[in-house]
Amino acid sequence: MNIETVLAETVDAIQSLKATHPLRIGIDGASASGKTTFANRLVEPLRKLGRHVIRASIDGFHNPPEIRYRQGQYSPTGYVEDSFDKTAVIDSILRPLGPGGNRSYRESLFDFVSNRKTQAKPQQAPADSILIFEGVMLFCDQLVHHFDYRIFVESNFETIINRALKRDSDRLGGESATLEKYNSRYIPGQKEYFQRHSPQKQANLVIDNNDYRQPRITFRRPIKQP
């Protein structure tokens, strides 16, 4: 497969979904698995089909650092349990866009880079909107059932480390600090998340993304329509 083939199949699957509310597409995967790039590439094909697309991320719902690191800066369990305000994710965007929701949503609340609240204002979504929402640990028990279609992007941890060194070294303080963060917190935290929640088993579509240019769909769950 190539990326265009995978994107086309994914767009067709999303377009086939029927709902009386905006579609909520969740894209889960470890940090540096390529899920953000894949989510971004879905936007334009869907817009070309005439759909209003909302692009948001769990990165806009981080907890402040005093909560994120209350179990320790390198705690894997703290990464799983304390990184994000999941109640705010549900109340601010997933529930308003779901069944019976008023479609008034906020796409973010907290900027973890500046450690400040964002200035995102409430917006009103058209009824036929598609939310593309990506992030780590989305298919946990608290969030998973708020998505109408679930995509899991997987890459092996060696690939993730190599990508993280290129992407995150400047932000995290160099290669050594990046390796420490990933090897002490992020990767053990992801393993703990996998063990607790089995996100691949929750997915409608699983994509092997070890090669950005040649991703492969490794699992498809038939879509059950109401």
C-alpha atoms as a PDB file:
ATOM      1  CA  MET A   1       0.000   0.000   0.000  1.00  0.00           C
ATOM      2  CA  ASN A   2       0.954   3.633  -0.278  1.00  0.00           C
ATOM      3  CA  ILE A   3      -0.263   6.596   1.730  1.00  0.00           C
ATOM      4  CA  GLU A   4      -2.758   7.673  -0.946  1.00  0.00           C
ATOM      5  CA  THR A   5      -4.402   4.226  -0.952  1.00  0.00           C
ATOM      6  CA  VAL A   6      -4.667   4.147   2.836  1.00  0.00           C
ATOM      7  CA  LEU A   7      -6.076   7.683   2.933  1.00  0.00           C
ATOM      8  CA  ALA A   8      -8.628   6.858   0.226  1.00  0.00           C
ATOM      9  CA  GLU A   9      -9.866   3.758   2.068  1.00  0.00           C
ATOM     10  CA  THR A  10     -10.072   5.671   5.324  1.00  0.00           C
ATOM     11  CA  VAL A  11     -11.998   8.541   3.744  1.00  0.00           C
ATOM     12  CA  ASP A  12     -14.415   6.067   2.126  1.00  0.00           C
ATOM     13  CA  ALA A  13     -15.015   4.385   5.499  1.00  0.00           C
ATOM     14  CA  ILE A  14     -15.672   7.713   7.222  1.00  0.00           C
ATOM     15  CA  GLN A  15     -17.931   8.918   4.425  1.00  0.00           C
ATOM     16  CA  SER A  16     -20.015   5.743   4.692  1.00  0.00           C
ATOM     17  CA  LEU A  17     -20.868   6.359   8.356  1.00  0.00           C
ATOM     18  CA  LYS A  18     -24.419   7.478   9.117  1.00  0.00           C
ATOM     19  CA  ALA A  19     -25.269   9.663  12.088  1.00  0.00           C
ATOM     20  CA  THR A  20     -27.667  12.443  13.049  1.00  0.00           C
ATOM     21  CA  HIS A  21     -24.844  14.309  14.782  1.00  0.00           C
ATOM     22  CA  PRO A  22     -21.288  15.274  13.745  1.00  0.00           C
ATOM     23  CA  LEU A  23     -19.051  12.268  13.227  1.00  0.00           C
ATOM     24  CA  ARG A  24     -16.319  11.946  15.851  1.00  0.00           C
ATOM     25  CA  ILE A  25     -13.228  10.213  14.453  1.00  0.00           C
ATOM     26  CA  GLY A  26     -10.585   9.240  17.016  1.00  0.00           C
ATOM     27  CA  ILE A  27      -6.994   8.611  15.901  1.00  0.00           C
ATOM     28  CA  ASP A  28      -4.897   7.005  18.634  1.00  0.00           C
ATOM     29  CA  GLY A  29      -1.241   6.014  18.683  1.00  0.00           C
ATOM     30  CA  ALA A  30       1.941   6.452  20.657  1.00  0.00           C
ATOM     31  CA  SER A  31       3.818   9.728  20.586  1.00  0.00           C
ATOM     32  CA  ALA A  32       5.813   9.951  17.307  1.00  0.00           C
ATOM     33  CA  SER A  33       3.844   7.088  15.703  1.00  0.00           C
ATOM     34  CA  GLY A  34       2.742   9.411  12.898  1.00  0.00           C
ATOM     35  CA  LYS A  35      -0.878   9.832  13.951  1.00  0.00           C
ATOM     36  CA  THR A  36      -0.786  13.644  13.796  1.00  0.00           C
ATOM     37  CA  THR A  37       0.541  13.638  10.237  1.00  0.00           C
ATOM     38  CA  PHE A  38      -2.057  11.067   9.216  1.00  0.00           C
ATOM     39  CA  ALA A  39      -4.863  13.045  10.870  1.00  0.00           C
ATOM     40  CA  ASN A  40      -3.760  16.215   9.082  1.00  0.00           C
ATOM     41  CA  ARG A  41      -3.730  14.446   5.735  1.00  0.00           C
ATOM     42  CA  LEU A  42      -7.336  13.308   6.168  1.00  0.00           C
ATOM     43  CA  VAL A  43      -8.671  16.860   6.390  1.00  0.00           C
ATOM     44  CA  GLU A  44      -8.425  18.026   2.789  1.00  0.00           C
ATOM     45  CA  PRO A  45      -9.915  14.897   1.122  1.00  0.00           C
ATOM     46  CA  LEU A  46     -12.924  15.139   3.442  1.00  0.00           C
ATOM     47  CA  ARG A  47     -13.347  18.839   2.762  1.00  0.00           C
ATOM     48  CA  LYS A  48     -13.255  18.150  -0.972  1.00  0.00           C
ATOM     49  CA  LEU A  49     -16.309  15.953  -0.411  1.00  0.00           C
ATOM     50  CA  GLY A  50     -18.132  19.001   0.917  1.00  0.00           C
ATOM     51  CA  ARG A  51     -17.857  18.156   4.597  1.00  0.00           C
ATOM     52  CA  HIS A  52     -17.061  20.651   7.343  1.00  0.00           C
ATOM     53  CA  VAL A  53     -14.006  19.263   9.151  1.00  0.00           C
ATOM     54  CA  ILE A  54     -13.027  20.120  12.720  1.00  0.00           C
ATOM     55  CA  ARG A  55      -9.405  19.286  13.484  1.00  0.00           C
ATOM     56  CA  ALA A  56      -8.508  19.008  17.164  1.00  0.00           C
ATOM     57  CA  SER A  57      -6.122  17.133  19.443  1.00  0.00           C
ATOM     58  CA  ILE A  58      -5.937  15.905  23.003  1.00  0.00           C
ATOM     59  CA  ASP A  59      -2.766  18.009  23.180  1.00  0.00           C
ATOM     60  CA  GLY A  60      -5.099  20.967  23.660  1.00  0.00           C
ATOM     61  CA  PHE A  61      -6.426  19.405  26.876  1.00  0.00           C
ATOM     62  CA  HIS A  62      -3.269  18.788  28.892  1.00  0.00           C
ATOM     63  CA  ASN A  63      -3.430  19.197  32.623  1.00  0.00           C
ATOM     64  CA  PRO A  64      -1.175  21.907  34.074  1.00  0.00           C
ATOM     65  CA  PRO A  65       2.281  20.664  35.156  1.00  0.00           C
ATOM     66  CA  GLU A  66       1.454  20.465  38.848  1.00  0.00           C
ATOM     67  CA  ILE A  67      -1.104  17.786  37.948  1.00  0.00           C
ATOM     68  CA  ARG A  68       0.796  16.166  35.067  1.00  0.00           C
ATOM     69  CA  TYR A  69       3.850  15.510  37.193  1.00  0.00           C
ATOM     70  CA  ARG A  70       2.327  14.940  40.621  1.00  0.00           C
ATOM     71  CA  GLN A  71       3.465  11.284  40.503  1.00  0.00           C
ATOM     72  CA  GLY A  72       6.954  12.309  39.348  1.00  0.00           C
ATOM     73  CA  GLN A  73       8.392  13.783  36.179  1.00  0.00           C
ATOM     74  CA  TYR A  74       9.346  10.369  34.800  1.00  0.00           C
ATOM     75  CA  SER A  75       6.456   8.314  36.174  1.00  0.00           C
ATOM     76  CA  PRO A  76       4.889   6.074  33.495  1.00  0.00           C
ATOM     77  CA  THR A  77       1.727   5.717  35.576  1.00  0.00           C
ATOM     78  CA  GLY A  78       1.574   9.486  35.931  1.00  0.00           C
ATOM     79  CA  TYR A  79       1.818   9.768  32.153  1.00  0.00           C
ATOM     80  CA  VAL A  80      -1.190   7.481  31.749  1.00  0.00           C
ATOM     81  CA  GLU A  81      -3.326   8.873  34.557  1.00  0.00           C
ATOM     82  CA  ASP A  82      -2.474  12.563  34.828  1.00  0.00           C
ATOM     83  CA  SER A  83      -1.426  13.925  31.422  1.00  0.00           C
ATOM     84  CA  PHE A  84      -4.855  15.032  30.220  1.00  0.00           C
ATOM     85  CA  ASP A  85      -8.093  16.463  31.527  1.00  0.00           C
ATOM     86  CA  LYS A  86     -10.314  13.774  30.036  1.00  0.00           C
ATOM     87  CA  THR A  87     -13.476  15.123  31.626  1.00  0.00           C
ATOM     88  CA  ALA A  88     -12.834  18.425  29.849  1.00  0.00           C
ATOM     89  CA  VAL A  89     -12.297  16.582  26.550  1.00  0.00           C
ATOM     90  CA  ILE A  90     -15.724  14.996  26.927  1.00  0.00           C
ATOM     91  CA  ASP A  91     -17.519  18.117  28.141  1.00  0.00           C
ATOM     92  CA  SER A  92     -15.865  20.566  25.738  1.00  0.00           C
ATOM     93  CA  ILE A  93     -15.930  18.701  22.445  1.00  0.00           C
ATOM     94  CA  LEU A  94     -16.912  15.016  22.373  1.00  0.00           C
ATOM     95  CA  ARG A  95     -20.278  15.188  24.117  1.00  0.00           C
ATOM     96  CA  PRO A  96     -21.455  18.447  22.455  1.00  0.00           C
ATOM     97  CA  LEU A  97     -20.788  16.864  19.051  1.00  0.00           C
ATOM     98  CA  GLY A  98     -22.361  13.545  20.000  1.00  0.00           C
ATOM     99  CA  PRO A  99     -25.948  12.268  20.153  1.00  0.00           C
ATOM    100  CA  GLY A 100     -28.227  14.889  21.673  1.00  0.00           C
ATOM    101  CA  GLY A 101     -25.408  17.432  21.905  1.00  0.00           C
ATOM    102  CA  ASN A 102     -25.902  21.136  21.198  1.00  0.00           C
ATOM    103  CA  ARG A 103     -22.885  21.176  18.802  1.00  0.00           C
ATOM    104  CA  SER A 104     -21.295  24.092  20.683  1.00  0.00           C
ATOM    105  CA  TYR A 105     -17.696  23.039  21.257  1.00  0.00           C
ATOM    106  CA  ARG A 106     -14.254  24.323  22.220  1.00  0.00           C
ATOM    107  CA  GLU A 107     -11.303  22.803  20.409  1.00  0.00           C
ATOM    108  CA  SER A 108      -8.767  23.361  23.212  1.00  0.00           C
ATOM    109  CA  LEU A 109      -8.404  24.552  26.796  1.00  0.00           C
ATOM    110  CA  PHE A 110      -4.713  24.421  27.737  1.00  0.00           C
ATOM    111  CA  ASP A 111      -1.451  24.971  25.838  1.00  0.00           C
ATOM    112  CA  PHE A 112       1.150  22.635  27.353  1.00  0.00           C
ATOM    113  CA  VAL A 113       4.048  24.396  25.606  1.00  0.00           C
ATOM    114  CA  SER A 114       3.354  27.802  27.160  1.00  0.00           C
ATOM    115  CA  ASN A 115       1.618  26.243  30.212  1.00  0.00           C
ATOM    116  CA  ARG A 116      -1.291  28.635  29.841  1.00  0.00           C
ATOM    117  CA  LYS A 117      -4.997  28.359  29.226  1.00  0.00           C
ATOM    118  CA  THR A 118      -5.855  28.813  25.567  1.00  0.00           C
ATOM    119  CA  GLN A 119      -8.148  31.509  24.272  1.00  0.00           C
ATOM    120  CA  ALA A 120     -10.244  29.122  22.182  1.00  0.00           C
ATOM    121  CA  LYS A 121     -13.823  30.371  22.043  1.00  0.00           C
ATOM    122  CA  PRO A 122     -16.969  28.262  21.684  1.00  0.00           C
ATOM    123  CA  GLN A 123     -17.856  27.434  18.098  1.00  0.00           C
ATOM    124  CA  GLN A 124     -21.004  26.010  16.567  1.00  0.00           C
ATOM    125  CA  ALA A 125     -20.575  22.916  14.415  1.00  0.00           C
ATOM    126  CA  PRO A 126     -22.823  22.200  11.417  1.00  0.00           C
ATOM    127  CA  ALA A 127     -24.781  18.981  11.847  1.00  0.00           C
ATOM    128  CA  ASP A 128     -22.850  17.187   9.082  1.00  0.00           C
ATOM    129  CA  SER A 129     -19.406  18.063  10.487  1.00  0.00           C
ATOM    130  CA  ILE A 130     -16.599  15.560  10.897  1.00  0.00           C
ATOM    131  CA  LEU A 131     -14.325  15.856  13.912  1.00  0.00           C
ATOM    132  CA  ILE A 132     -10.809  14.527  13.374  1.00  0.00           C
ATOM    133  CA  PHE A 133      -9.491  14.173  16.912  1.00  0.00           C
ATOM    134  CA  GLU A 134      -6.057  12.656  17.471  1.00  0.00           C
ATOM    135  CA  GLY A 135      -3.796  12.009  20.407  1.00  0.00           C
ATOM    136  CA  VAL A 136      -2.148   9.501  22.670  1.00  0.00           C
ATOM    137  CA  MET A 137      -4.209   7.191  24.868  1.00  0.00           C
ATOM    138  CA  LEU A 138      -7.562   8.124  23.317  1.00  0.00           C
ATOM    139  CA  PHE A 139      -9.074   4.659  23.534  1.00  0.00           C
ATOM    140  CA  CYS A 140      -9.040   4.482  27.319  1.00  0.00           C
ATOM    141  CA  ASP A 141     -12.215   3.429  29.105  1.00  0.00           C
ATOM    142  CA  GLN A 142     -13.257   7.029  29.778  1.00  0.00           C
ATOM    143  CA  LEU A 143     -13.028   8.272  26.171  1.00  0.00           C
ATOM    144  CA  VAL A 144     -13.305   5.346  23.787  1.00  0.00           C
ATOM    145  CA  HIS A 145     -17.105   5.176  23.529  1.00  0.00           C
ATOM    146  CA  HIS A 146     -17.350   8.848  22.595  1.00  0.00           C
ATOM    147  CA  PHE A 147     -15.867   8.146  19.153  1.00  0.00           C
ATOM    148  CA  ASP A 148     -17.986   6.989  16.235  1.00  0.00           C
ATOM    149  CA  TYR A 149     -14.992   5.574  14.346  1.00  0.00           C
ATOM    150  CA  ARG A 150     -11.614   4.640  15.795  1.00  0.00           C
ATOM    151  CA  ILE A 151      -8.249   4.462  14.024  1.00  0.00           C
ATOM    152  CA  PHE A 152      -5.111   3.157  15.695  1.00  0.00           C
ATOM    153  CA  VAL A 153      -1.751   4.128  14.173  1.00  0.00           C
ATOM    154  CA  GLU A 154       1.043   1.849  15.301  1.00  0.00           C
ATOM    155  CA  SER A 155       4.826   2.025  14.965  1.00  0.00           C
ATOM    156  CA  ASN A 156       7.443   0.009  16.805  1.00  0.00           C
ATOM    157  CA  PHE A 157       9.272   1.685  19.652  1.00  0.00           C
ATOM    158  CA  GLU A 158      12.619   1.752  17.826  1.00  0.00           C
ATOM    159  CA  THR A 159      11.017   3.748  15.024  1.00  0.00           C
ATOM    160  CA  ILE A 160       9.324   6.006  17.562  1.00  0.00           C
ATOM    161  CA  ILE A 161      12.629   6.778  19.292  1.00  0.00           C
ATOM    162  CA  ASN A 162      14.309   7.638  15.993  1.00  0.00           C
ATOM    163  CA  ARG A 163      11.468   9.990  15.056  1.00  0.00           C
ATOM    164  CA  ALA A 164      11.355  11.533  18.513  1.00  0.00           C
ATOM    165  CA  LEU A 165      15.063  12.379  18.402  1.00  0.00           C
ATOM    166  CA  LYS A 166      14.498  14.352  15.210  1.00  0.00           C
ATOM    167  CA  ARG A 167      11.215  15.947  16.260  1.00  0.00           C
ATOM    168  CA  ASP A 168      11.467  16.583  19.985  1.00  0.00           C
ATOM    169  CA  SER A 169      15.134  17.154  20.831  1.00  0.00           C
ATOM    170  CA  ASP A 170      14.957  20.941  20.600  1.00  0.00           C
ATOM    171  CA  ARG A 171      11.785  21.130  22.715  1.00  0.00           C
ATOM    172  CA  LEU A 172      12.927  18.612  25.327  1.00  0.00           C
ATOM    173  CA  GLY A 173      16.461  19.912  25.769  1.00  0.00           C
ATOM    174  CA  GLY A 174      18.619  17.765  23.496  1.00  0.00           C
ATOM    175  CA  GLU A 175      19.025  14.129  22.493  1.00  0.00           C
ATOM    176  CA  SER A 176      19.974  12.870  25.962  1.00  0.00           C
ATOM    177  CA  ALA A 177      16.978  14.517  27.616  1.00  0.00           C
ATOM    178  CA  THR A 178      14.679  13.220  24.866  1.00  0.00           C
ATOM    179  CA  LEU A 179      15.922   9.656  25.289  1.00  0.00           C
ATOM    180  CA  GLU A 180      15.465   9.895  29.057  1.00  0.00           C
ATOM    181  CA  LYS A 181      11.923  11.224  28.695  1.00  0.00           C
ATOM    182  CA  TYR A 182      10.888   8.556  26.195  1.00  0.00           C
ATOM    183  CA  ASN A 183      12.662   5.623  27.837  1.00  0.00           C
ATOM    184  CA  SER A 184      11.583   6.533  31.378  1.00  0.00           C
ATOM    185  CA  ARG A 185       8.072   7.976  30.928  1.00  0.00           C
ATOM    186  CA  TYR A 186       6.538   7.894  27.467  1.00  0.00           C
ATOM    187  CA  ILE A 187       7.336   4.383  26.244  1.00  0.00           C
ATOM    188  CA  PRO A 188       6.768   2.606  29.588  1.00  0.00           C
ATOM    189  CA  GLY A 189       3.600   4.687  29.928  1.00  0.00           C
ATOM    190  CA  GLN A 190       2.416   3.588  26.501  1.00  0.00           C
ATOM    191  CA  LYS A 191       3.089  -0.040  27.404  1.00  0.00           C
ATOM    192  CA  GLU A 192       1.055   0.410  30.583  1.00  0.00           C
ATOM    193  CA  TYR A 193      -1.761   2.001  28.567  1.00  0.00           C
ATOM    194  CA  PHE A 194      -1.701  -0.883  26.070  1.00  0.00           C
ATOM    195  CA  GLN A 195      -1.923  -3.393  28.913  1.00  0.00           C
ATOM    196  CA  ARG A 196      -4.777  -1.574  30.645  1.00  0.00           C
ATOM    197  CA  HIS A 197      -6.937  -0.685  27.640  1.00  0.00           C
ATOM    198  CA  SER A 198      -5.927  -2.806  24.589  1.00  0.00           C
ATOM    199  CA  PRO A 199      -6.473   0.083  22.151  1.00  0.00           C
ATOM    200  CA  GLN A 200      -5.844  -2.005  19.034  1.00  0.00           C
ATOM    201  CA  LYS A 201      -8.823  -4.164  19.969  1.00  0.00           C
ATOM    202  CA  GLN A 202     -11.003  -1.045  20.252  1.00  0.00           C
ATOM    203  CA  ALA A 203     -10.113   0.176  16.759  1.00  0.00           C
ATOM    204  CA  ASN A 204     -12.143  -0.022  13.574  1.00  0.00           C
ATOM    205  CA  LEU A 205      -8.959   0.398  11.555  1.00  0.00           C
ATOM    206  CA  VAL A 206      -5.341  -0.389  12.488  1.00  0.00           C
ATOM    207  CA  ILE A 207      -2.544   1.114  10.397  1.00  0.00           C
ATOM    208  CA  ASP A 208       1.082  -0.036  10.477  1.00  0.00           C
ATOM    209  CA  ASN A 209       2.937   3.253  10.064  1.00  0.00           C
ATOM    210  CA  ASN A 210       6.553   2.212  10.467  1.00  0.00           C
ATOM    211  CA  ASP A 211       7.128   3.561   6.955  1.00  0.00           C
ATOM    212  CA  TYR A 212       5.461   6.943   6.427  1.00  0.00           C
ATOM    213  CA  ARG A 213       5.485   6.445   2.654  1.00  0.00           C
ATOM    214  CA  GLN A 214       4.170   2.888   2.689  1.00  0.00           C
ATOM    215  CA  PRO A 215       1.695   2.493   5.571  1.00  0.00           C
ATOM    216  CA  ARG A 216      -0.349  -0.692   5.667  1.00  0.00           C
ATOM    217  CA  ILE A 217      -3.841  -1.370   6.941  1.00  0.00           C
ATOM    218  CA  THR A 218      -3.489  -4.469   9.098  1.00  0.00           C
ATOM    219  CA  PHE A 219      -7.000  -4.692  10.532  1.00  0.00           C
ATOM    220  CA  ARG A 220     -10.470  -3.620   9.429  1.00  0.00           C
ATOM    221  CA  ARG A 221     -13.566  -3.979  11.565  1.00  0.00           C
ATOM    222  CA  PRO A 222     -16.815  -4.083   9.572  1.00  0.00           C
ATOM    223  CA  ILE A 223     -18.890  -0.969  10.110  1.00  0.00           C
ATOM    224  CA  LYS A 224     -22.190  -1.637  11.863  1.00  0.00           C
ATOM    225  CA  GLN A 225     -24.814   0.913  10.943  1.00  0.00           C
ATOM    226  CA  PRO A 226     -27.910   1.578  13.074  1.00  0.00           C
END
